[in-house]
Amino acid sequence: MSEKRSRTVAPLHAGPLDVIGDVHGEFAALRALIGHLGYDESGLHPDGRRAVFVGDLCDRGPDSPAVLDLVMGWVQSGRAQCVLGNHELNVLLGAPKHGNGWFFDRDHDVHNGEFLESKAATPERRTHWLQFLERLPMALEREDLRIVHACWDGAAVRALDSASAVRDPRDMYQRFKADAKRLLRESGVDDRAALEMRDHRHSFQDPLAVMPLLPACAEEATLMQNANPLKVLTSGLEAPAETPAWAGGKWRMTNRSRWWRAYHDEPAVLIGHYWRRDARAKAEEVTGDWDYPLGDYGPYEWMGPRGNVFCVDYAVGGRYAERAQGRTAEFKCRLAAMRWPERELVFDDGQRIDTQAASAKCLARNEVVEDSVSGREP
């Protein structure tokens, strides 16, 4: 690994770490988890451990303000670190999305009859949070470990480094967005997509519509995602889908790239973002994904050819849907942390899982399946 550090990738704290998955405003779950991890309210740990947050602190849950205040206090005191997630990026951009109405003067979620219990931001706190979020790094790195919200992509990191003279992430985002739109115009994709939209514009936000795959719209969405390195690191790479899928209040024409399949670097990578399904959860109980990219792996298994990529987001952001169904305890959507270097997973109810042992069991099971298919004795 190069000794040169960038503004995009900040140095990760030395020593033992507890890497906490997406919190999504679930303050009670966060307090329970940090208690099981051994931290006090100020972020101190008796064994000198440090907490690291993978982003998506806010939205959907009942108390995003409390989560942001706690994490901001820990980070600003030097006792924790945090990377920017796609939900924080949306807040910075002032982009209304499903579940983030709590942040805006006009709460679009409440207007739609959703997230009625989510605590609202005040103008004073909103200013403090924006100042905090705009200074968060996109990723953290040290010799043995990398932390990013959704995707470790070398090309995206280099592109951000080359644009590092633009200090404000909002300005940087708009610059890359404008470049992507120029490429769409020059290639003629935007004109073809406009023709497709002319016939299907009103169907895009209708979950009951019979929506065909729109090839130009798929190509447009893919380029707008992959040509913007802030989007790549915070929400991953994408590719055109074979069939459209409904999620997040609209029809989507893309699928998520399984980038970890091609990750061969030595440092391990810890990510969030992908709403991983815990062993106790069925697919229909974990909402929020139009394309579940982790299905090739068990719920506690390390991913990639070197077995060194792990998603620590166990879909706690879906608890709002569980509450709507009447569940008040024993949630299927959970909050977790990965203890490093132990590779032990700790959940907000105190359950602990040795992920190295879980990965070994999955590997052994897969080898037996391959042997039986090939006709060899296991």
Protein backbone atom coordinates (compact mmCIF):
# COMPACT_ATOMS: atom_id res chain seq x y z
CA MET A 1 0.00 0.00 0.00
CA SER A 2 1.32 3.45 -0.89
CA GLU A 3 2.47 5.64 1.96
CA LYS A 4 0.89 8.63 0.24
CA ARG A 5 -2.49 9.56 1.75
CA SER A 6 -5.23 11.57 0.06
CA ARG A 7 -8.15 13.66 1.17
CA THR A 8 -10.41 10.98 -0.26
CA VAL A 9 -8.95 8.20 1.87
CA ALA A 10 -8.03 9.22 5.42
CA PRO A 11 -5.72 7.25 7.73
CA LEU A 12 -7.59 4.68 9.80
CA HIS A 13 -6.86 4.55 13.53
CA ALA A 14 -4.30 2.00 14.70
CA GLY A 15 -5.13 -0.72 17.21
CA PRO A 16 -8.27 -2.82 17.75
CA LEU A 17 -11.50 -1.50 16.21
CA ASP A 18 -15.23 -2.02 16.35
CA VAL A 19 -16.69 -1.26 12.91
CA ILE A 20 -20.39 -0.44 13.26
CA GLY A 21 -22.83 -0.99 10.40
CA ASP A 22 -25.52 1.34 9.05
CA VAL A 23 -27.55 2.77 11.95
CA HIS A 24 -30.37 4.55 10.06
CA GLY A 25 -31.65 6.54 13.02
CA GLU A 26 -32.12 3.51 15.29
CA PHE A 27 -30.73 5.18 18.40
CA ALA A 28 -31.95 2.56 20.87
CA ALA A 29 -30.25 -0.19 18.89
CA LEU A 30 -27.04 1.86 18.73
CA ARG A 31 -26.99 2.43 22.49
CA ALA A 32 -27.57 -1.26 23.10
CA LEU A 33 -24.79 -2.25 20.69
CA ILE A 34 -22.16 0.12 22.08
CA GLY A 35 -23.03 -1.17 25.54
CA HIS A 36 -22.36 -4.76 24.46
CA LEU A 37 -19.12 -3.59 22.84
CA GLY A 38 -18.01 -2.00 26.12
CA TYR A 39 -18.06 1.73 25.30
CA ASP A 40 -19.24 4.43 27.68
CA GLU A 41 -21.48 7.31 26.59
CA SER A 42 -18.48 9.46 25.63
CA GLY A 43 -16.97 6.83 23.33
CA LEU A 44 -14.23 5.60 25.66
CA HIS A 45 -13.43 1.89 25.88
CA PRO A 46 -11.58 0.34 28.85
CA ASP A 47 -9.34 -1.66 26.50
CA GLY A 48 -8.49 1.30 24.27
CA ARG A 49 -10.61 0.13 21.34
CA ARG A 50 -11.98 2.65 18.82
CA ALA A 51 -15.35 2.71 17.10
CA VAL A 52 -15.63 3.25 13.34
CA PHE A 53 -18.95 3.92 11.57
CA VAL A 54 -19.49 2.86 7.95
CA GLY A 55 -21.99 5.66 7.21
CA ASP A 56 -25.77 5.81 6.74
CA LEU A 57 -26.22 7.09 10.27
CA CYS A 58 -29.59 8.65 9.47
CA ASP A 59 -33.00 8.21 7.80
CA ARG A 60 -35.98 5.86 8.25
CA GLY A 61 -35.43 5.24 11.97
CA PRO A 62 -37.15 7.14 14.79
CA ASP A 63 -34.23 9.30 16.01
CA SER A 64 -31.68 10.33 13.40
CA PRO A 65 -30.87 13.54 15.37
CA ALA A 66 -29.72 11.56 18.42
CA VAL A 67 -27.61 9.21 16.30
CA LEU A 68 -25.92 12.10 14.49
CA ASP A 69 -25.25 13.95 17.75
CA LEU A 70 -23.67 10.89 19.37
CA VAL A 71 -21.46 10.00 16.40
CA MET A 72 -20.50 13.62 15.78
CA GLY A 73 -19.43 14.00 19.41
CA TRP A 74 -17.34 10.83 19.34
CA VAL A 75 -15.67 11.72 16.04
CA GLN A 76 -14.94 15.33 16.97
CA SER A 77 -13.37 14.17 20.25
CA GLY A 78 -11.03 11.88 18.29
CA ARG A 79 -12.53 8.73 19.87
CA ALA A 80 -14.21 7.42 16.71
CA GLN A 81 -14.14 7.72 12.93
CA CYS A 82 -16.85 7.69 10.28
CA VAL A 83 -17.04 7.57 6.49
CA LEU A 84 -19.70 9.20 4.32
CA GLY A 85 -22.66 7.04 3.29
CA ASN A 86 -25.15 7.61 0.50
CA HIS A 87 -27.79 8.80 2.98
CA GLU A 88 -25.44 11.47 4.34
CA LEU A 89 -24.58 12.44 0.77
CA ASN A 90 -28.28 12.94 0.00
CA VAL A 91 -28.62 15.15 3.08
CA LEU A 92 -25.63 17.22 1.99
CA LEU A 93 -27.07 17.59 -1.50
CA GLY A 94 -30.48 18.62 -0.12
CA ALA A 95 -32.01 15.74 -2.08
CA PRO A 96 -35.40 14.53 -0.77
CA LYS A 97 -35.37 10.73 -0.63
CA HIS A 98 -37.54 8.04 0.93
CA GLY A 99 -37.03 8.25 4.70
CA ASN A 100 -35.07 11.51 4.96
CA GLY A 101 -37.98 13.94 5.27
CA TRP A 102 -37.09 14.45 8.95
CA PHE A 103 -34.19 16.67 7.81
CA PHE A 104 -36.16 19.17 5.72
CA ASP A 105 -38.39 22.09 6.66
CA ARG A 106 -41.15 20.47 4.61
CA ASP A 107 -41.16 16.79 5.57
CA HIS A 108 -42.06 14.96 2.36
CA ASP A 109 -42.41 11.64 4.23
CA VAL A 110 -45.01 13.03 6.64
CA HIS A 111 -46.79 14.55 3.64
CA ASN A 112 -46.98 11.02 2.21
CA GLY A 113 -48.14 9.57 5.53
CA GLU A 114 -44.86 7.77 6.30
CA PHE A 115 -42.27 7.86 9.12
CA LEU A 116 -44.63 9.84 11.31
CA GLU A 117 -42.67 8.99 14.47
CA SER A 118 -39.29 10.18 13.17
CA LYS A 119 -37.93 13.12 15.18
CA ALA A 120 -37.45 16.24 13.09
CA ALA A 121 -34.32 18.33 12.67
CA THR A 122 -34.11 21.85 14.04
CA PRO A 123 -32.46 24.63 11.98
CA GLU A 124 -29.60 25.00 14.48
CA ARG A 125 -28.75 21.29 14.59
CA ARG A 126 -29.13 21.02 10.82
CA THR A 127 -26.31 23.53 10.37
CA HIS A 128 -24.01 21.67 12.78
CA TRP A 129 -24.67 18.32 11.10
CA LEU A 130 -23.98 19.68 7.63
CA GLN A 131 -20.66 21.12 8.80
CA PHE A 132 -19.77 17.74 10.29
CA LEU A 133 -20.85 15.65 7.30
CA GLU A 134 -19.09 17.75 4.69
CA ARG A 135 -15.75 17.00 6.41
CA LEU A 136 -16.16 13.22 6.57
CA PRO A 137 -13.74 11.17 4.44
CA MET A 138 -15.01 8.91 1.70
CA ALA A 139 -12.95 5.99 3.01
CA LEU A 140 -10.46 4.99 5.70
CA GLU A 141 -7.36 2.86 5.25
CA ARG A 142 -4.41 1.32 7.02
CA GLU A 143 -2.03 -1.51 6.15
CA ASP A 144 -4.44 -4.35 6.97
CA LEU A 145 -7.89 -2.80 6.57
CA ARG A 146 -10.00 -0.51 4.38
CA ILE A 147 -13.41 0.90 5.30
CA VAL A 148 -15.83 2.40 2.78
CA HIS A 149 -19.59 2.59 2.72
CA ALA A 150 -20.42 0.57 -0.40
CA CYS A 151 -17.58 -0.08 -2.84
CA TRP A 152 -13.78 -0.01 -2.80
CA ASP A 153 -12.97 1.02 -6.36
CA GLY A 154 -9.46 2.17 -7.24
CA ALA A 155 -10.59 4.13 -10.30
CA ALA A 156 -13.14 6.09 -8.24
CA VAL A 157 -10.54 6.84 -5.56
CA ARG A 158 -8.09 8.13 -8.18
CA ALA A 159 -10.77 10.26 -9.84
CA LEU A 160 -11.63 11.88 -6.52
CA ASP A 161 -7.96 12.48 -5.78
CA SER A 162 -7.58 14.27 -9.11
CA ALA A 163 -10.50 16.54 -8.21
CA SER A 164 -9.39 17.15 -4.62
CA ALA A 165 -8.89 20.86 -5.25
CA VAL A 166 -12.68 21.07 -5.05
CA ARG A 167 -13.07 20.84 -1.29
CA ASP A 168 -16.84 20.79 -0.90
CA PRO A 169 -18.30 17.34 -1.71
CA ARG A 170 -21.46 19.02 -3.00
CA ASP A 171 -19.47 20.97 -5.60
CA MET A 172 -17.48 17.85 -6.50
CA TYR A 173 -20.68 15.85 -6.92
CA GLN A 174 -22.17 18.45 -9.26
CA ARG A 175 -18.96 18.56 -11.29
CA PHE A 176 -19.01 14.81 -11.91
CA LYS A 177 -22.75 14.89 -12.59
CA ALA A 178 -22.24 17.56 -15.26
CA ASP A 179 -19.45 15.51 -16.87
CA ALA A 180 -21.72 12.45 -16.99
CA LYS A 181 -24.55 14.43 -18.57
CA ARG A 182 -22.14 15.71 -21.22
CA LEU A 183 -21.16 12.13 -22.07
CA LEU A 184 -24.83 11.18 -22.35
CA ARG A 185 -25.48 14.06 -24.76
CA GLU A 186 -22.45 13.29 -26.90
CA SER A 187 -23.37 9.60 -27.16
CA GLY A 188 -27.02 10.25 -27.92
CA VAL A 189 -28.15 8.13 -24.98
CA ASP A 190 -30.08 11.01 -23.43
CA ASP A 191 -32.18 11.47 -26.58
CA ARG A 192 -33.03 7.76 -26.72
CA ALA A 193 -33.85 7.74 -23.02
CA ALA A 194 -36.11 10.77 -23.47
CA LEU A 195 -38.08 8.91 -26.14
CA GLU A 196 -38.54 5.95 -23.79
CA MET A 197 -39.59 8.24 -20.97
CA ARG A 198 -42.17 9.95 -23.16
CA ASP A 199 -44.22 6.76 -23.23
CA HIS A 200 -43.56 5.59 -19.66
CA ARG A 201 -42.99 8.74 -17.60
CA HIS A 202 -46.06 8.28 -15.38
CA SER A 203 -45.36 4.57 -14.85
CA PHE A 204 -41.99 5.14 -13.19
CA GLN A 205 -43.63 5.98 -9.87
CA ASP A 206 -46.48 3.50 -10.11
CA PRO A 207 -45.68 0.17 -8.40
CA LEU A 208 -48.67 -1.46 -10.12
CA ALA A 209 -47.58 -0.47 -13.63
CA VAL A 210 -46.52 -3.13 -16.13
CA MET A 211 -43.08 -1.70 -16.75
CA PRO A 212 -40.89 -3.05 -19.56
CA LEU A 213 -37.12 -2.79 -19.48
CA LEU A 214 -36.12 0.48 -21.11
CA PRO A 215 -32.62 -0.07 -22.56
CA ALA A 216 -31.63 3.56 -23.01
CA CYS A 217 -32.91 4.47 -19.54
CA ALA A 218 -30.87 1.58 -18.16
CA GLU A 219 -27.77 2.79 -19.99
CA GLU A 220 -28.37 6.34 -18.80
CA ALA A 221 -28.79 5.27 -15.15
CA THR A 222 -25.67 3.10 -15.32
CA LEU A 223 -23.50 5.91 -16.67
CA MET A 224 -24.88 8.47 -14.22
CA GLN A 225 -23.97 6.09 -11.38
CA ASN A 226 -20.60 4.75 -12.49
CA ALA A 227 -19.19 8.02 -13.86
CA ASN A 228 -19.62 9.75 -10.50
CA PRO A 229 -16.97 8.47 -8.03
CA LEU A 230 -18.83 9.87 -5.01
CA LYS A 231 -21.80 7.71 -5.97
CA VAL A 232 -19.56 4.69 -6.65
CA LEU A 233 -17.95 4.76 -3.18
CA THR A 234 -21.20 5.48 -1.34
CA SER A 235 -23.67 3.33 -3.30
CA GLY A 236 -21.62 1.05 -5.52
CA LEU A 237 -21.19 0.25 -9.20
CA GLU A 238 -24.20 -0.72 -11.32
CA ALA A 239 -25.00 -2.38 -14.65
CA PRO A 240 -28.12 -2.58 -16.87
CA ALA A 241 -30.66 -5.10 -15.55
CA GLU A 242 -32.46 -7.81 -17.48
CA THR A 243 -35.80 -6.84 -15.97
CA PRO A 244 -36.92 -3.69 -14.10
CA ALA A 245 -37.49 -3.82 -10.35
CA TRP A 246 -39.53 -1.61 -8.00
CA ALA A 247 -37.67 -0.08 -5.03
CA GLY A 248 -37.41 3.23 -3.23
CA GLY A 249 -40.56 4.62 -4.78
CA LYS A 250 -39.59 4.09 -8.43
CA TRP A 251 -38.81 1.50 -11.10
CA ARG A 252 -35.12 0.74 -11.50
CA MET A 253 -33.43 -0.41 -14.69
CA THR A 254 -30.07 -1.40 -13.20
CA ASN A 255 -28.55 -4.09 -11.00
CA ARG A 256 -25.78 -3.75 -8.43
CA SER A 257 -22.31 -4.89 -9.42
CA ARG A 258 -20.78 -7.65 -7.28
CA TRP A 259 -17.47 -5.78 -7.22
CA TRP A 260 -15.98 -7.97 -4.45
CA ARG A 261 -15.75 -10.86 -6.91
CA ALA A 262 -12.85 -9.03 -8.53
CA TYR A 263 -11.22 -7.69 -5.37
CA HIS A 264 -7.76 -9.27 -5.11
CA ASP A 265 -5.94 -6.74 -2.90
CA GLU A 266 -4.44 -7.88 0.38
CA PRO A 267 -6.11 -5.45 2.83
CA ALA A 268 -9.52 -6.54 4.06
CA VAL A 269 -12.52 -4.30 3.27
CA LEU A 270 -15.48 -3.66 5.57
CA ILE A 271 -18.59 -2.15 4.01
CA GLY A 272 -22.23 -1.40 4.83
CA HIS A 273 -25.04 -0.40 2.49
CA TYR A 274 -26.39 -3.73 1.20
CA TRP A 275 -29.01 -4.65 3.87
CA ARG A 276 -27.52 -8.05 4.59
CA ARG A 277 -30.01 -10.72 5.68
CA ASP A 278 -29.39 -12.22 9.07
CA ALA A 279 -29.98 -15.95 9.54
CA ARG A 280 -33.24 -15.25 11.37
CA ALA A 281 -34.68 -13.08 8.57
CA LYS A 282 -36.60 -14.16 5.49
CA ALA A 283 -36.21 -12.25 2.25
CA GLU A 284 -39.66 -10.67 2.51
CA GLU A 285 -38.85 -9.37 6.00
CA VAL A 286 -35.90 -7.29 4.83
CA THR A 287 -37.06 -4.39 2.69
CA GLY A 288 -35.10 -1.77 0.78
CA ASP A 289 -33.30 -3.81 -1.88
CA TRP A 290 -34.29 -4.01 -5.52
CA ASP A 291 -31.37 -6.35 -6.14
CA TYR A 292 -29.85 -8.42 -3.34
CA PRO A 293 -26.19 -8.93 -4.29
CA LEU A 294 -25.06 -11.03 -1.32
CA GLY A 295 -27.09 -14.14 -2.08
CA ASP A 296 -24.02 -16.16 -3.06
CA TYR A 297 -22.82 -16.06 0.56
CA GLY A 298 -24.08 -17.14 3.96
CA PRO A 299 -25.23 -14.46 6.41
CA TYR A 300 -21.92 -14.41 8.31
CA GLU A 301 -19.50 -15.31 5.51
CA TRP A 302 -16.59 -13.26 4.20
CA MET A 303 -16.77 -12.55 0.48
CA GLY A 304 -14.49 -12.33 -2.53
CA PRO A 305 -11.75 -14.57 -3.95
CA ARG A 306 -9.51 -13.90 -0.95
CA GLY A 307 -12.33 -14.05 1.59
CA ASN A 308 -11.50 -10.55 2.83
CA VAL A 309 -14.61 -8.44 2.11
CA PHE A 310 -17.46 -8.28 4.63
CA CYS A 311 -20.76 -6.40 4.70
CA VAL A 312 -21.60 -5.43 8.29
CA ASP A 313 -25.00 -3.86 7.48
CA TYR A 314 -27.71 -6.19 8.80
CA ALA A 315 -30.65 -4.08 7.60
CA VAL A 316 -31.55 -2.29 10.83
CA GLY A 317 -32.97 0.40 8.54
CA GLY A 318 -35.86 -1.98 7.87
CA ARG A 319 -37.20 -1.85 11.42
CA TYR A 320 -39.64 0.88 10.41
CA ALA A 321 -41.40 -1.72 8.24
CA GLU A 322 -41.37 -4.28 11.06
CA ARG A 323 -42.97 -1.74 13.40
CA ALA A 324 -45.64 -1.04 10.80
CA GLN A 325 -46.44 -4.76 10.94
CA GLY A 326 -46.82 -4.58 14.74
CA ARG A 327 -43.45 -5.98 15.84
CA THR A 328 -41.97 -4.18 18.86
CA ALA A 329 -39.19 -6.58 19.91
CA GLU A 330 -37.03 -9.42 18.60
CA PHE A 331 -36.57 -7.58 15.33
CA LYS A 332 -35.39 -9.51 12.28
CA CYS A 333 -33.55 -6.41 11.02
CA ARG A 334 -30.50 -5.93 13.23
CA LEU A 335 -27.56 -3.65 14.02
CA ALA A 336 -24.09 -5.19 14.12
CA ALA A 337 -20.41 -4.39 14.55
CA MET A 338 -17.33 -6.25 13.35
CA ARG A 339 -14.55 -6.48 15.91
CA TRP A 340 -11.17 -6.17 14.21
CA PRO A 341 -8.77 -7.97 14.14
CA GLU A 342 -10.82 -10.66 15.93
CA ARG A 343 -13.37 -10.86 13.06
CA GLU A 344 -16.09 -11.34 15.66
CA LEU A 345 -19.56 -10.07 14.84
CA VAL A 346 -21.51 -8.47 17.72
CA PHE A 347 -25.25 -7.69 17.46
CA ASP A 348 -27.36 -5.17 19.35
CA ASP A 349 -28.96 -7.98 21.38
CA GLY A 350 -25.52 -9.19 22.52
CA GLN A 351 -25.24 -12.20 20.20
CA ARG A 352 -21.66 -12.88 19.08
CA ILE A 353 -20.56 -14.83 16.01
CA ASP A 354 -17.09 -15.97 14.98
CA THR A 355 -17.19 -15.09 11.27
CA GLN A 356 -13.98 -16.98 10.52
CA ALA A 357 -15.60 -20.20 11.76
CA ALA A 358 -18.81 -19.39 9.86
CA SER A 359 -16.84 -18.80 6.66
CA ALA A 360 -14.95 -22.08 7.12
CA LYS A 361 -18.23 -23.98 7.45
CA CYS A 362 -19.57 -22.35 4.29
CA LEU A 363 -16.38 -23.19 2.42
CA ALA A 364 -16.53 -26.82 3.54
CA ARG A 365 -20.19 -27.06 2.52
CA ASN A 366 -19.46 -25.56 -0.91
CA GLU A 367 -16.56 -27.97 -1.45
CA VAL A 368 -18.82 -30.95 -0.67
CA VAL A 369 -21.38 -29.68 -3.19
CA GLU A 370 -18.71 -29.21 -5.87
CA ASP A 371 -17.28 -32.69 -5.21
CA SER A 372 -20.69 -34.35 -5.43
CA VAL A 373 -21.44 -32.53 -8.69
CA SER A 374 -18.10 -33.61 -10.20
CA GLY A 375 -18.48 -37.21 -9.01
CA ARG A 376 -15.48 -37.10 -6.69
CA GLU A 377 -15.58 -38.45 -3.17
CA PRO A 378 -15.67 -35.58 -0.64
